[in-house]
Amino acid sequence: MRTKPEIDPPQGPPPGELEITELIVGEGSEAVAGGNVEVHYLGVDYETGEEFDSSWSRGDTIRFPLNNLIQAWRDGIPGMKVGGRRQLVCPPHLAYGPAGGGHPLSGKTLVFVIDLVSVG
């Protein structure tokens, strides 16, 4: 079992589009668009590096259909294989929308590290 990842503070201005970095290539079944996934994840604010959410901190994975997630996850998780770890850098328009959008994370670029535990 892996341990909670650490996210190095990003350098430079936030990206305008989704950035996907394969940290560990998995060898299991592949996540597909619209499918169900079970993941462990850590999310931090791009600018401050502060953690805003983490399944690791709650001590349990989370399972959900990809269709119910922010666009960056719907775009960034398909193609991952079980056992893999990816980093997604998500601009606001692919996360929680522009500033003033009503969500506490609206207007923020977010960084997630996602471990794919299972699919199906």
PDB file of N, CA and C in Angstrom:
ATOM      1  N   MET A   1       0.844  -1.189   0.000  1.00  0.00           N
ATOM      2  CA  MET A   1       0.000   0.000   0.000  1.00  0.00           C
ATOM      3  C   MET A   1       0.882   1.242   0.000  1.00  0.00           C
ATOM      4  N   ARG A   2       0.547   2.179  -0.832  1.00  0.00           N
ATOM      5  CA  ARG A   2       1.297   3.422  -0.918  1.00  0.00           C
ATOM      6  C   ARG A   2       0.977   4.326   0.258  1.00  0.00           C
ATOM      7  N   THR A   3       1.792   5.347   0.375  1.00  0.00           N
ATOM      8  CA  THR A   3       1.558   6.363   1.394  1.00  0.00           C
ATOM      9  C   THR A   3       1.069   7.642   0.717  1.00  0.00           C
ATOM     10  N   LYS A   4       0.556   8.547   1.535  1.00  0.00           N
ATOM     11  CA  LYS A   4       0.054   9.825   1.041  1.00  0.00           C
ATOM     12  C   LYS A   4       1.149  10.546   0.267  1.00  0.00           C
ATOM     13  N   PRO A   5       0.825  11.024  -0.932  1.00  0.00           N
ATOM     14  CA  PRO A   5       1.839  11.725  -1.717  1.00  0.00           C
ATOM     15  C   PRO A   5       2.135  13.100  -1.151  1.00  0.00           C
ATOM     16  N   GLU A   6       3.259  13.632  -1.560  1.00  0.00           N
ATOM     17  CA  GLU A   6       3.593  15.020  -1.271  1.00  0.00           C
ATOM     18  C   GLU A   6       3.645  15.741  -2.605  1.00  0.00           C
ATOM     19  N   ILE A   7       3.113  16.944  -2.630  1.00  0.00           N
ATOM     20  CA  ILE A   7       3.107  17.725  -3.858  1.00  0.00           C
ATOM     21  C   ILE A   7       4.076  18.880  -3.697  1.00  0.00           C
ATOM     22  N   ASP A   8       5.085  18.910  -4.563  1.00  0.00           N
ATOM     23  CA  ASP A   8       6.047  20.011  -4.538  1.00  0.00           C
ATOM     24  C   ASP A   8       5.358  21.285  -5.007  1.00  0.00           C
ATOM     25  N   PRO A   9       5.689  22.421  -4.395  1.00  0.00           N
ATOM     26  CA  PRO A   9       5.075  23.677  -4.834  1.00  0.00           C
ATOM     27  C   PRO A   9       5.354  23.912  -6.315  1.00  0.00           C
ATOM     28  N   PRO A  10       4.301  24.180  -7.109  1.00  0.00           N
ATOM     29  CA  PRO A  10       4.509  24.432  -8.535  1.00  0.00           C
ATOM     30  C   PRO A  10       5.319  25.706  -8.750  1.00  0.00           C
ATOM     31  N   GLN A  11       6.010  25.741  -9.870  1.00  0.00           N
ATOM     32  CA  GLN A  11       6.813  26.903 -10.240  1.00  0.00           C
ATOM     33  C   GLN A  11       6.165  27.599 -11.425  1.00  0.00           C
ATOM     34  N   GLY A  12       6.192  28.912 -11.424  1.00  0.00           N
ATOM     35  CA  GLY A  12       5.695  29.667 -12.559  1.00  0.00           C
ATOM     36  C   GLY A  12       4.195  29.885 -12.524  1.00  0.00           C
ATOM     37  N   PRO A  13       3.690  30.517 -13.569  1.00  0.00           N
ATOM     38  CA  PRO A  13       2.257  30.812 -13.611  1.00  0.00           C
ATOM     39  C   PRO A  13       1.439  29.543 -13.809  1.00  0.00           C
ATOM     40  N   PRO A  14       0.190  29.536 -13.344  1.00  0.00           N
ATOM     41  CA  PRO A  14      -0.647  28.353 -13.522  1.00  0.00           C
ATOM     42  C   PRO A  14      -0.965  28.126 -14.995  1.00  0.00           C
ATOM     43  N   PRO A  15      -1.132  26.881 -15.393  1.00  0.00           N
ATOM     44  CA  PRO A  15      -1.425  26.583 -16.793  1.00  0.00           C
ATOM     45  C   PRO A  15      -2.851  26.979 -17.173  1.00  0.00           C
ATOM     46  N   GLY A  16      -3.062  27.197 -18.450  1.00  0.00           N
ATOM     47  CA  GLY A  16      -4.386  27.525 -18.948  1.00  0.00           C
ATOM     48  C   GLY A  16      -5.202  26.300 -19.327  1.00  0.00           C
ATOM     49  N   GLU A  17      -4.517  25.162 -19.461  1.00  0.00           N
ATOM     50  CA  GLU A  17      -5.194  23.912 -19.812  1.00  0.00           C
ATOM     51  C   GLU A  17      -4.746  22.819 -18.850  1.00  0.00           C
ATOM     52  N   LEU A  18      -5.464  21.717 -18.866  1.00  0.00           N
ATOM     53  CA  LEU A  18      -5.163  20.584 -17.990  1.00  0.00           C
ATOM     54  C   LEU A  18      -3.770  20.043 -18.282  1.00  0.00           C
ATOM     55  N   GLU A  19      -2.990  19.857 -17.223  1.00  0.00           N
ATOM     56  CA  GLU A  19      -1.684  19.208 -17.334  1.00  0.00           C
ATOM     57  C   GLU A  19      -1.757  17.867 -16.628  1.00  0.00           C
ATOM     58  N   ILE A  20      -1.399  16.806 -17.342  1.00  0.00           N
ATOM     59  CA  ILE A  20      -1.429  15.444 -16.803  1.00  0.00           C
ATOM     60  C   ILE A  20       0.004  14.929 -16.757  1.00  0.00           C
ATOM     61  N   THR A  21       0.430  14.494 -15.566  1.00  0.00           N
ATOM     62  CA  THR A  21       1.761  13.921 -15.403  1.00  0.00           C
ATOM     63  C   THR A  21       1.619  12.527 -14.829  1.00  0.00           C
ATOM     64  N   GLU A  22       2.146  11.553 -15.534  1.00  0.00           N
ATOM     65  CA  GLU A  22       2.121  10.163 -15.087  1.00  0.00           C
ATOM     66  C   GLU A  22       3.268   9.989 -14.092  1.00  0.00           C
ATOM     67  N   LEU A  23       2.945   9.769 -12.818  1.00  0.00           N
ATOM     68  CA  LEU A  23       3.972   9.614 -11.790  1.00  0.00           C
ATOM     69  C   LEU A  23       4.375   8.154 -11.627  1.00  0.00           C
ATOM     70  N   ILE A  24       3.386   7.267 -11.681  1.00  0.00           N
ATOM     71  CA  ILE A  24       3.612   5.820 -11.618  1.00  0.00           C
ATOM     72  C   ILE A  24       2.668   5.192 -12.632  1.00  0.00           C
ATOM     73  N   VAL A  25       3.189   4.370 -13.517  1.00  0.00           N
ATOM     74  CA  VAL A  25       2.352   3.702 -14.503  1.00  0.00           C
ATOM     75  C   VAL A  25       1.791   2.431 -13.870  1.00  0.00           C
ATOM     76  N   GLY A  26       0.462   2.315 -13.884  1.00  0.00           N
ATOM     77  CA  GLY A  26      -0.182   1.126 -13.348  1.00  0.00           C
ATOM     78  C   GLY A  26      -0.116  -0.038 -14.321  1.00  0.00           C
ATOM     79  N   GLU A  27      -0.437  -1.214 -13.806  1.00  0.00           N
ATOM     80  CA  GLU A  27      -0.395  -2.423 -14.636  1.00  0.00           C
ATOM     81  C   GLU A  27      -1.721  -3.153 -14.642  1.00  0.00           C
ATOM     82  N   GLY A  28      -2.744  -2.583 -13.998  1.00  0.00           N
ATOM     83  CA  GLY A  28      -4.034  -3.257 -13.906  1.00  0.00           C
ATOM     84  C   GLY A  28      -5.000  -2.795 -14.978  1.00  0.00           C
ATOM     85  N   SER A  29      -6.276  -2.982 -14.698  1.00  0.00           N
ATOM     86  CA  SER A  29      -7.334  -2.591 -15.621  1.00  0.00           C
ATOM     87  C   SER A  29      -7.334  -1.087 -15.829  1.00  0.00           C
ATOM     88  N   GLU A  30      -7.821  -0.664 -16.996  1.00  0.00           N
ATOM     89  CA  GLU A  30      -7.790   0.747 -17.375  1.00  0.00           C
ATOM     90  C   GLU A  30      -9.109   1.438 -17.067  1.00  0.00           C
ATOM     91  N   ALA A  31      -9.014   2.646 -16.531  1.00  0.00           N
ATOM     92  CA  ALA A  31     -10.199   3.478 -16.301  1.00  0.00           C
ATOM     93  C   ALA A  31     -10.719   3.972 -17.650  1.00  0.00           C
ATOM     94  N   VAL A  32     -12.043   3.956 -17.815  1.00  0.00           N
ATOM     95  CA  VAL A  32     -12.654   4.407 -19.062  1.00  0.00           C
ATOM     96  C   VAL A  32     -13.582   5.579 -18.785  1.00  0.00           C
ATOM     97  N   ALA A  33     -13.759   6.427 -19.771  1.00  0.00           N
ATOM     98  CA  ALA A  33     -14.662   7.574 -19.657  1.00  0.00           C
ATOM     99  C   ALA A  33     -16.050   7.085 -19.265  1.00  0.00           C
ATOM    100  N   GLY A  34     -16.640   7.733 -18.280  1.00  0.00           N
ATOM    101  CA  GLY A  34     -17.974   7.374 -17.825  1.00  0.00           C
ATOM    102  C   GLY A  34     -18.027   6.175 -16.901  1.00  0.00           C
ATOM    103  N   GLY A  35     -16.885   5.546 -16.638  1.00  0.00           N
ATOM    104  CA  GLY A  35     -16.850   4.374 -15.773  1.00  0.00           C
ATOM    105  C   GLY A  35     -16.808   4.752 -14.302  1.00  0.00           C
ATOM    106  N   ASN A  36     -16.796   3.724 -13.457  1.00  0.00           N
ATOM    107  CA  ASN A  36     -16.662   3.912 -12.011  1.00  0.00           C
ATOM    108  C   ASN A  36     -15.219   3.677 -11.611  1.00  0.00           C
ATOM    109  N   VAL A  37     -14.744   4.495 -10.661  1.00  0.00           N
ATOM    110  CA  VAL A  37     -13.371   4.364 -10.190  1.00  0.00           C
ATOM    111  C   VAL A  37     -13.334   4.425  -8.671  1.00  0.00           C
ATOM    112  N   GLU A  38     -12.324   3.795  -8.120  1.00  0.00           N
ATOM    113  CA  GLU A  38     -12.008   3.919  -6.696  1.00  0.00           C
ATOM    114  C   GLU A  38     -10.607   4.507  -6.637  1.00  0.00           C
ATOM    115  N   VAL A  39     -10.467   5.606  -5.893  1.00  0.00           N
ATOM    116  CA  VAL A  39      -9.196   6.314  -5.861  1.00  0.00           C
ATOM    117  C   VAL A  39      -8.825   6.733  -4.446  1.00  0.00           C
ATOM    118  N   HIS A  40      -7.550   6.991  -4.282  1.00  0.00           N
ATOM    119  CA  HIS A  40      -7.016   7.763  -3.168  1.00  0.00           C
ATOM    120  C   HIS A  40      -6.512   9.038  -3.820  1.00  0.00           C
ATOM    121  N   TYR A  41      -6.712  10.187  -3.187  1.00  0.00           N
ATOM    122  CA  TYR A  41      -6.278  11.437  -3.816  1.00  0.00           C
ATOM    123  C   TYR A  41      -5.897  12.469  -2.774  1.00  0.00           C
ATOM    124  N   LEU A  42      -5.116  13.424  -3.244  1.00  0.00           N
ATOM    125  CA  LEU A  42      -4.719  14.593  -2.465  1.00  0.00           C
ATOM    126  C   LEU A  42      -4.913  15.796  -3.364  1.00  0.00           C
ATOM    127  N   GLY A  43      -5.545  16.838  -2.846  1.00  0.00           N
ATOM    128  CA  GLY A  43      -5.745  18.069  -3.603  1.00  0.00           C
ATOM    129  C   GLY A  43      -5.161  19.256  -2.867  1.00  0.00           C
ATOM    130  N   VAL A  44      -4.402  20.086  -3.609  1.00  0.00           N
ATOM    131  CA  VAL A  44      -3.835  21.305  -3.030  1.00  0.00           C
ATOM    132  C   VAL A  44      -4.098  22.482  -3.959  1.00  0.00           C
ATOM    133  N   ASP A  45      -4.099  23.679  -3.387  1.00  0.00           N
ATOM    134  CA  ASP A  45      -4.223  24.925  -4.132  1.00  0.00           C
ATOM    135  C   ASP A  45      -2.891  25.188  -4.838  1.00  0.00           C
ATOM    136  N   TYR A  46      -2.929  25.471  -6.138  1.00  0.00           N
ATOM    137  CA  TYR A  46      -1.715  25.707  -6.929  1.00  0.00           C
ATOM    138  C   TYR A  46      -0.887  26.847  -6.362  1.00  0.00           C
ATOM    139  N   GLU A  47      -1.542  27.933  -5.990  1.00  0.00           N
ATOM    140  CA  GLU A  47      -0.803  29.129  -5.568  1.00  0.00           C
ATOM    141  C   GLU A  47      -0.231  29.024  -4.160  1.00  0.00           C
ATOM    142  N   THR A  48      -0.996  28.436  -3.235  1.00  0.00           N
ATOM    143  CA  THR A  48      -0.548  28.400  -1.844  1.00  0.00           C
ATOM    144  C   THR A  48       0.091  27.069  -1.463  1.00  0.00           C
ATOM    145  N   GLY A  49      -0.223  26.002  -2.200  1.00  0.00           N
ATOM    146  CA  GLY A  49       0.256  24.677  -1.848  1.00  0.00           C
ATOM    147  C   GLY A  49      -0.489  24.066  -0.677  1.00  0.00           C
ATOM    148  N   GLU A  50      -1.536  24.749  -0.211  1.00  0.00           N
ATOM    149  CA  GLU A  50      -2.285  24.248   0.938  1.00  0.00           C
ATOM    150  C   GLU A  50      -3.253  23.148   0.522  1.00  0.00           C
ATOM    151  N   GLU A  51      -3.279  22.087   1.325  1.00  0.00           N
ATOM    152  CA  GLU A  51      -4.204  20.983   1.097  1.00  0.00           C
ATOM    153  C   GLU A  51      -5.631  21.441   1.367  1.00  0.00           C
ATOM    154  N   PHE A  52      -6.547  21.131   0.453  1.00  0.00           N
ATOM    155  CA  PHE A  52      -7.958  21.442   0.675  1.00  0.00           C
ATOM    156  C   PHE A  52      -8.805  20.187   0.797  1.00  0.00           C
ATOM    157  N   ASP A  53      -8.280  19.047   0.346  1.00  0.00           N
ATOM    158  CA  ASP A  53      -9.037  17.791   0.455  1.00  0.00           C
ATOM    159  C   ASP A  53      -8.088  16.634   0.252  1.00  0.00           C
ATOM    160  N   SER A  54      -8.371  15.518   0.943  1.00  0.00           N
ATOM    161  CA  SER A  54      -7.534  14.337   0.804  1.00  0.00           C
ATOM    162  C   SER A  54      -8.246  13.116   1.350  1.00  0.00           C
ATOM    163  N   SER A  55      -8.384  12.104   0.507  1.00  0.00           N
ATOM    164  CA  SER A  55      -8.926  10.838   0.999  1.00  0.00           C
ATOM    165  C   SER A  55      -7.928  10.195   1.967  1.00  0.00           C
ATOM    166  N   TRP A  56      -6.643  10.475   1.765  1.00  0.00           N
ATOM    167  CA  TRP A  56      -5.609   9.945   2.671  1.00  0.00           C
ATOM    168  C   TRP A  56      -5.852  10.442   4.095  1.00  0.00           C
ATOM    169  N   SER A  57      -6.211  11.718   4.223  1.00  0.00           N
ATOM    170  CA  SER A  57      -6.436  12.291   5.551  1.00  0.00           C
ATOM    171  C   SER A  57      -7.659  11.697   6.227  1.00  0.00           C
ATOM    172  N   ARG A  58      -8.621  11.243   5.424  1.00  0.00           N
ATOM    173  CA  ARG A  58      -9.810  10.585   5.979  1.00  0.00           C
ATOM    174  C   ARG A  58      -9.577   9.103   6.236  1.00  0.00           C
ATOM    175  N   GLY A  59      -8.466   8.568   5.710  1.00  0.00           N
ATOM    176  CA  GLY A  59      -8.112   7.186   5.973  1.00  0.00           C
ATOM    177  C   GLY A  59      -8.846   6.165   5.136  1.00  0.00           C
ATOM    178  N   ASP A  60      -9.479   6.592   4.034  1.00  0.00           N
ATOM    179  CA  ASP A  60     -10.203   5.635   3.200  1.00  0.00           C
ATOM    180  C   ASP A  60     -10.260   6.129   1.769  1.00  0.00           C
ATOM    181  N   THR A  61     -10.330   5.187   0.845  1.00  0.00           N
ATOM    182  CA  THR A  61     -10.494   5.537  -0.561  1.00  0.00           C
ATOM    183  C   THR A  61     -11.920   6.018  -0.795  1.00  0.00           C
ATOM    184  N   ILE A  62     -12.171   6.525  -1.995  1.00  0.00           N
ATOM    185  CA  ILE A  62     -13.503   6.959  -2.373  1.00  0.00           C
ATOM    186  C   ILE A  62     -13.814   6.359  -3.739  1.00  0.00           C
ATOM    187  N   ARG A  63     -15.076   5.966  -3.925  1.00  0.00           N
ATOM    188  CA  ARG A  63     -15.523   5.353  -5.179  1.00  0.00           C
ATOM    189  C   ARG A  63     -16.639   6.213  -5.747  1.00  0.00           C
ATOM    190  N   PHE A  64     -16.594   6.444  -7.067  1.00  0.00           N
ATOM    191  CA  PHE A  64     -17.640   7.244  -7.702  1.00  0.00           C
ATOM    192  C   PHE A  64     -17.600   7.069  -9.205  1.00  0.00           C
ATOM    193  N   PRO A  65     -18.713   7.424  -9.870  1.00  0.00           N
ATOM    194  CA  PRO A  65     -18.718   7.443 -11.338  1.00  0.00           C
ATOM    195  C   PRO A  65     -18.011   8.694 -11.841  1.00  0.00           C
ATOM    196  N   LEU A  66     -17.179   8.533 -12.859  1.00  0.00           N
ATOM    197  CA  LEU A  66     -16.443   9.673 -13.405  1.00  0.00           C
ATOM    198  C   LEU A  66     -17.366  10.778 -13.895  1.00  0.00           C
ATOM    199  N   ASN A  67     -18.551  10.428 -14.362  1.00  0.00           N
ATOM    200  CA  ASN A  67     -19.476  11.440 -14.881  1.00  0.00           C
ATOM    201  C   ASN A  67     -19.902  12.451 -13.823  1.00  0.00           C
ATOM    202  N   ASN A  68     -19.733  12.127 -12.533  1.00  0.00           N
ATOM    203  CA  ASN A  68     -20.155  13.025 -11.456  1.00  0.00           C
ATOM    204  C   ASN A  68     -19.047  13.952 -10.982  1.00  0.00           C
ATOM    205  N   LEU A  69     -17.902  13.957 -11.654  1.00  0.00           N
ATOM    206  CA  LEU A  69     -16.736  14.684 -11.175  1.00  0.00           C
ATOM    207  C   LEU A  69     -16.467  15.943 -11.982  1.00  0.00           C
ATOM    208  N   ILE A  70     -15.535  16.758 -11.481  1.00  0.00           N
ATOM    209  CA  ILE A  70     -15.140  17.943 -12.228  1.00  0.00           C
ATOM    210  C   ILE A  70     -14.561  17.509 -13.582  1.00  0.00           C
ATOM    211  N   GLN A  71     -14.623  18.398 -14.543  1.00  0.00           N
ATOM    212  CA  GLN A  71     -14.192  18.077 -15.905  1.00  0.00           C
ATOM    213  C   GLN A  71     -12.740  17.609 -15.953  1.00  0.00           C
ATOM    214  N   ALA A  72     -11.869  18.198 -15.156  1.00  0.00           N
ATOM    215  CA  ALA A  72     -10.457  17.798 -15.166  1.00  0.00           C
ATOM    216  C   ALA A  72     -10.290  16.330 -14.809  1.00  0.00           C
ATOM    217  N   TRP A  73     -11.101  15.821 -13.881  1.00  0.00           N
ATOM    218  CA  TRP A  73     -11.019  14.408 -13.529  1.00  0.00           C
ATOM    219  C   TRP A  73     -11.627  13.546 -14.627  1.00  0.00           C
ATOM    220  N   ARG A  74     -12.717  14.015 -15.242  1.00  0.00           N
ATOM    221  CA  ARG A  74     -13.332  13.258 -16.341  1.00  0.00           C
ATOM    222  C   ARG A  74     -12.376  13.144 -17.513  1.00  0.00           C
ATOM    223  N   ASP A  75     -11.527  14.179 -17.708  1.00  0.00           N
ATOM    224  CA  ASP A  75     -10.549  14.166 -18.793  1.00  0.00           C
ATOM    225  C   ASP A  75      -9.236  13.498 -18.386  1.00  0.00           C
ATOM    226  N   GLY A  76      -8.862  13.602 -17.111  1.00  0.00           N
ATOM    227  CA  GLY A  76      -7.529  13.188 -16.684  1.00  0.00           C
ATOM    228  C   GLY A  76      -7.397  11.783 -16.141  1.00  0.00           C
ATOM    229  N   ILE A  77      -8.505  11.132 -15.786  1.00  0.00           N
ATOM    230  CA  ILE A  77      -8.423   9.783 -15.220  1.00  0.00           C
ATOM    231  C   ILE A  77      -8.550   8.678 -16.279  1.00  0.00           C
ATOM    232  N   PRO A  78      -9.431   8.810 -17.281  1.00  0.00           N
ATOM    233  CA  PRO A  78      -9.503   7.746 -18.295  1.00  0.00           C
ATOM    234  C   PRO A  78      -8.132   7.473 -18.913  1.00  0.00           C
ATOM    235  N   GLY A  79      -7.847   6.199 -19.097  1.00  0.00           N
ATOM    236  CA  GLY A  79      -6.545   5.789 -19.608  1.00  0.00           C
ATOM    237  C   GLY A  79      -5.578   5.394 -18.511  1.00  0.00           C
ATOM    238  N   MET A  80      -5.852   5.815 -17.281  1.00  0.00           N
ATOM    239  CA  MET A  80      -5.037   5.374 -16.137  1.00  0.00           C
ATOM    240  C   MET A  80      -5.276   3.893 -15.916  1.00  0.00           C
ATOM    241  N   LYS A  81      -4.260   3.204 -15.436  1.00  0.00           N
ATOM    242  CA  LYS A  81      -4.409   1.793 -15.093  1.00  0.00           C
ATOM    243  C   LYS A  81      -4.315   1.627 -13.585  1.00  0.00           C
ATOM    244  N   VAL A  82      -5.057   0.640 -13.074  1.00  0.00           N
ATOM    245  CA  VAL A  82      -5.042   0.350 -11.636  1.00  0.00           C
ATOM    246  C   VAL A  82      -3.597   0.173 -11.177  1.00  0.00           C
ATOM    247  N   GLY A  83      -3.290   0.803 -10.060  1.00  0.00           N
ATOM    248  CA  GLY A  83      -1.931   0.800  -9.530  1.00  0.00           C
ATOM    249  C   GLY A  83      -1.153   2.043  -9.934  1.00  0.00           C
ATOM    250  N   GLY A  84      -1.732   2.847 -10.829  1.00  0.00           N
ATOM    251  CA  GLY A  84      -1.061   4.050 -11.296  1.00  0.00           C
ATOM    252  C   GLY A  84      -1.293   5.243 -10.391  1.00  0.00           C
ATOM    253  N   ARG A  85      -0.433   6.234 -10.554  1.00  0.00           N
ATOM    254  CA  ARG A  85      -0.550   7.511  -9.837  1.00  0.00           C
ATOM    255  C   ARG A  85      -0.329   8.624 -10.851  1.00  0.00           C
ATOM    256  N   ARG A  86      -1.279   9.569 -10.898  1.00  0.00           N
ATOM    257  CA  ARG A  86      -1.191  10.708 -11.805  1.00  0.00           C
ATOM    258  C   ARG A  86      -1.333  12.007 -11.051  1.00  0.00           C
ATOM    259  N   GLN A  87      -0.668  13.015 -11.576  1.00  0.00           N
ATOM    260  CA  GLN A  87      -0.868  14.375 -11.088  1.00  0.00           C
ATOM    261  C   GLN A  87      -1.643  15.142 -12.154  1.00  0.00           C
ATOM    262  N   LEU A  88      -2.697  15.825 -11.717  1.00  0.00           N
ATOM    263  CA  LEU A  88      -3.493  16.681 -12.590  1.00  0.00           C
ATOM    264  C   LEU A  88      -3.388  18.111 -12.093  1.00  0.00           C
ATOM    265  N   VAL A  89      -3.000  19.030 -12.973  1.00  0.00           N
ATOM    266  CA  VAL A  89      -3.025  20.447 -12.659  1.00  0.00           C
ATOM    267  C   VAL A  89      -4.211  21.021 -13.432  1.00  0.00           C
ATOM    268  N   CYS A  90      -5.199  21.501 -12.679  1.00  0.00           N
ATOM    269  CA  CYS A  90      -6.516  21.818 -13.223  1.00  0.00           C
ATOM    270  C   CYS A  90      -6.798  23.313 -13.164  1.00  0.00           C
ATOM    271  N   PRO A  91      -6.885  23.976 -14.325  1.00  0.00           N
ATOM    272  CA  PRO A  91      -7.271  25.382 -14.318  1.00  0.00           C
ATOM    273  C   PRO A  91      -8.731  25.531 -13.892  1.00  0.00           C
ATOM    274  N   PRO A  92      -9.116  26.725 -13.437  1.00  0.00           N
ATOM    275  CA  PRO A  92     -10.468  26.915 -12.897  1.00  0.00           C
ATOM    276  C   PRO A  92     -11.598  26.450 -13.815  1.00  0.00           C
ATOM    277  N   HIS A  93     -11.478  26.681 -15.128  1.00  0.00           N
ATOM    278  CA  HIS A  93     -12.585  26.317 -16.021  1.00  0.00           C
ATOM    279  C   HIS A  93     -12.790  24.811 -16.129  1.00  0.00           C
ATOM    280  N   LEU A  94     -11.814  24.012 -15.683  1.00  0.00           N
ATOM    281  CA  LEU A  94     -11.961  22.555 -15.668  1.00  0.00           C
ATOM    282  C   LEU A  94     -12.145  22.013 -14.251  1.00  0.00           C
ATOM    283  N   ALA A  95     -12.218  22.936 -13.285  1.00  0.00           N
ATOM    284  CA  ALA A  95     -12.399  22.534 -11.885  1.00  0.00           C
ATOM    285  C   ALA A  95     -13.744  23.063 -11.394  1.00  0.00           C
ATOM    286  N   TYR A  96     -13.726  24.164 -10.638  1.00  0.00           N
ATOM    287  CA  TYR A  96     -14.963  24.675 -10.041  1.00  0.00           C
ATOM    288  C   TYR A  96     -15.406  26.017 -10.612  1.00  0.00           C
ATOM    289  N   GLY A  97     -14.895  26.359 -11.802  1.00  0.00           N
ATOM    290  CA  GLY A  97     -15.347  27.554 -12.489  1.00  0.00           C
ATOM    291  C   GLY A  97     -14.636  28.816 -12.046  1.00  0.00           C
ATOM    292  N   PRO A  98     -15.031  29.949 -12.645  1.00  0.00           N
ATOM    293  CA  PRO A  98     -14.372  31.219 -12.358  1.00  0.00           C
ATOM    294  C   PRO A  98     -14.647  31.712 -10.941  1.00  0.00           C
ATOM    295  N   ALA A  99     -13.833  32.636 -10.500  1.00  0.00           N
ATOM    296  CA  ALA A  99     -14.022  33.254  -9.184  1.00  0.00           C
ATOM    297  C   ALA A  99     -15.443  33.789  -9.080  1.00  0.00           C
ATOM    298  N   GLY A 100     -16.025  33.663  -7.903  1.00  0.00           N
ATOM    299  CA  GLY A 100     -17.389  34.129  -7.682  1.00  0.00           C
ATOM    300  C   GLY A 100     -18.435  33.120  -8.090  1.00  0.00           C
ATOM    301  N   GLY A 101     -17.999  31.898  -8.409  1.00  0.00           N
ATOM    302  CA  GLY A 101     -18.916  30.864  -8.885  1.00  0.00           C
ATOM    303  C   GLY A 101     -19.719  30.180  -7.797  1.00  0.00           C
ATOM    304  N   GLY A 102     -19.513  30.559  -6.553  1.00  0.00           N
ATOM    305  CA  GLY A 102     -20.314  29.994  -5.476  1.00  0.00           C
ATOM    306  C   GLY A 102     -19.671  28.835  -4.740  1.00  0.00           C
ATOM    307  N   HIS A 103     -18.618  28.235  -5.284  1.00  0.00           N
ATOM    308  CA  HIS A 103     -17.907  27.156  -4.607  1.00  0.00           C
ATOM    309  C   HIS A 103     -16.661  27.759  -3.961  1.00  0.00           C
ATOM    310  N   PRO A 104     -16.265  27.279  -2.776  1.00  0.00           N
ATOM    311  CA  PRO A 104     -15.069  27.841  -2.126  1.00  0.00           C
ATOM    312  C   PRO A 104     -13.803  27.758  -2.992  1.00  0.00           C
ATOM    313  N   LEU A 105     -13.753  26.808  -3.938  1.00  0.00           N
ATOM    314  CA  LEU A 105     -12.572  26.652  -4.787  1.00  0.00           C
ATOM    315  C   LEU A 105     -12.739  27.306  -6.161  1.00  0.00           C
ATOM    316  N   SER A 106     -13.847  28.017  -6.378  1.00  0.00           N
ATOM    317  CA  SER A 106     -14.043  28.723  -7.655  1.00  0.00           C
ATOM    318  C   SER A 106     -12.900  29.696  -7.888  1.00  0.00           C
ATOM    319  N   GLY A 107     -12.425  29.742  -9.125  1.00  0.00           N
ATOM    320  CA  GLY A 107     -11.365  30.677  -9.492  1.00  0.00           C
ATOM    321  C   GLY A 107      -9.962  30.196  -9.177  1.00  0.00           C
ATOM    322  N   LYS A 108      -9.833  29.014  -8.606  1.00  0.00           N
ATOM    323  CA  LYS A 108      -8.514  28.514  -8.206  1.00  0.00           C
ATOM    324  C   LYS A 108      -8.020  27.419  -9.155  1.00  0.00           C
ATOM    325  N   THR A 109      -6.723  27.449  -9.424  1.00  0.00           N
ATOM    326  CA  THR A 109      -6.067  26.341 -10.108  1.00  0.00           C
ATOM    327  C   THR A 109      -5.738  25.314  -9.035  1.00  0.00           C
ATOM    328  N   LEU A 110      -6.083  24.060  -9.316  1.00  0.00           N
ATOM    329  CA  LEU A 110      -5.934  22.995  -8.324  1.00  0.00           C
ATOM    330  C   LEU A 110      -4.956  21.935  -8.813  1.00  0.00           C
ATOM    331  N   VAL A 111      -4.257  21.325  -7.871  1.00  0.00           N
ATOM    332  CA  VAL A 111      -3.343  20.232  -8.177  1.00  0.00           C
ATOM    333  C   VAL A 111      -3.824  19.005  -7.406  1.00  0.00           C
ATOM    334  N   PHE A 112      -4.025  17.907  -8.143  1.00  0.00           N
ATOM    335  CA  PHE A 112      -4.423  16.647  -7.524  1.00  0.00           C
ATOM    336  C   PHE A 112      -3.382  15.589  -7.840  1.00  0.00           C
ATOM    337  N   VAL A 113      -3.105  14.732  -6.865  1.00  0.00           N
ATOM    338  CA  VAL A 113      -2.383  13.490  -7.118  1.00  0.00           C
ATOM    339  C   VAL A 113      -3.390  12.381  -6.832  1.00  0.00           C
ATOM    340  N   ILE A 114      -3.598  11.538  -7.840  1.00  0.00           N
ATOM    341  CA  ILE A 114      -4.648  10.513  -7.786  1.00  0.00           C
ATOM    342  C   ILE A 114      -4.011   9.144  -7.951  1.00  0.00           C
ATOM    343  N   ASP A 115      -4.313   8.245  -7.020  1.00  0.00           N
ATOM    344  CA  ASP A 115      -3.930   6.833  -7.128  1.00  0.00           C
ATOM    345  C   ASP A 115      -5.165   6.053  -7.530  1.00  0.00           C
ATOM    346  N   LEU A 116      -5.091   5.313  -8.633  1.00  0.00           N
ATOM    347  CA  LEU A 116      -6.224   4.511  -9.079  1.00  0.00           C
ATOM    348  C   LEU A 116      -6.152   3.153  -8.392  1.00  0.00           C
ATOM    349  N   VAL A 117      -7.151   2.890  -7.535  1.00  0.00           N
ATOM    350  CA  VAL A 117      -7.176   1.664  -6.731  1.00  0.00           C
ATOM    351  C   VAL A 117      -7.920   0.552  -7.469  1.00  0.00           C
ATOM    352  N   SER A 118      -9.086   0.880  -8.075  1.00  0.00           N
ATOM    353  CA  SER A 118      -9.835  -0.116  -8.817  1.00  0.00           C
ATOM    354  C   SER A 118     -10.772   0.572  -9.806  1.00  0.00           C
ATOM    355  N   VAL A 119     -11.285  -0.193 -10.757  1.00  0.00           N
ATOM    356  CA  VAL A 119     -12.267   0.287 -11.729  1.00  0.00           C
ATOM    357  C   VAL A 119     -13.433  -0.676 -11.769  1.00  0.00           C
ATOM    358  N   GLY A 120     -14.553  -0.195 -12.313  1.00  0.00           N
ATOM    359  CA  GLY A 120     -15.701  -1.077 -12.486  1.00  0.00           C
ATOM    360  C   GLY A 120     -16.843  -0.771 -11.554  1.00  0.00           C
TER     361      GLY A 120
END
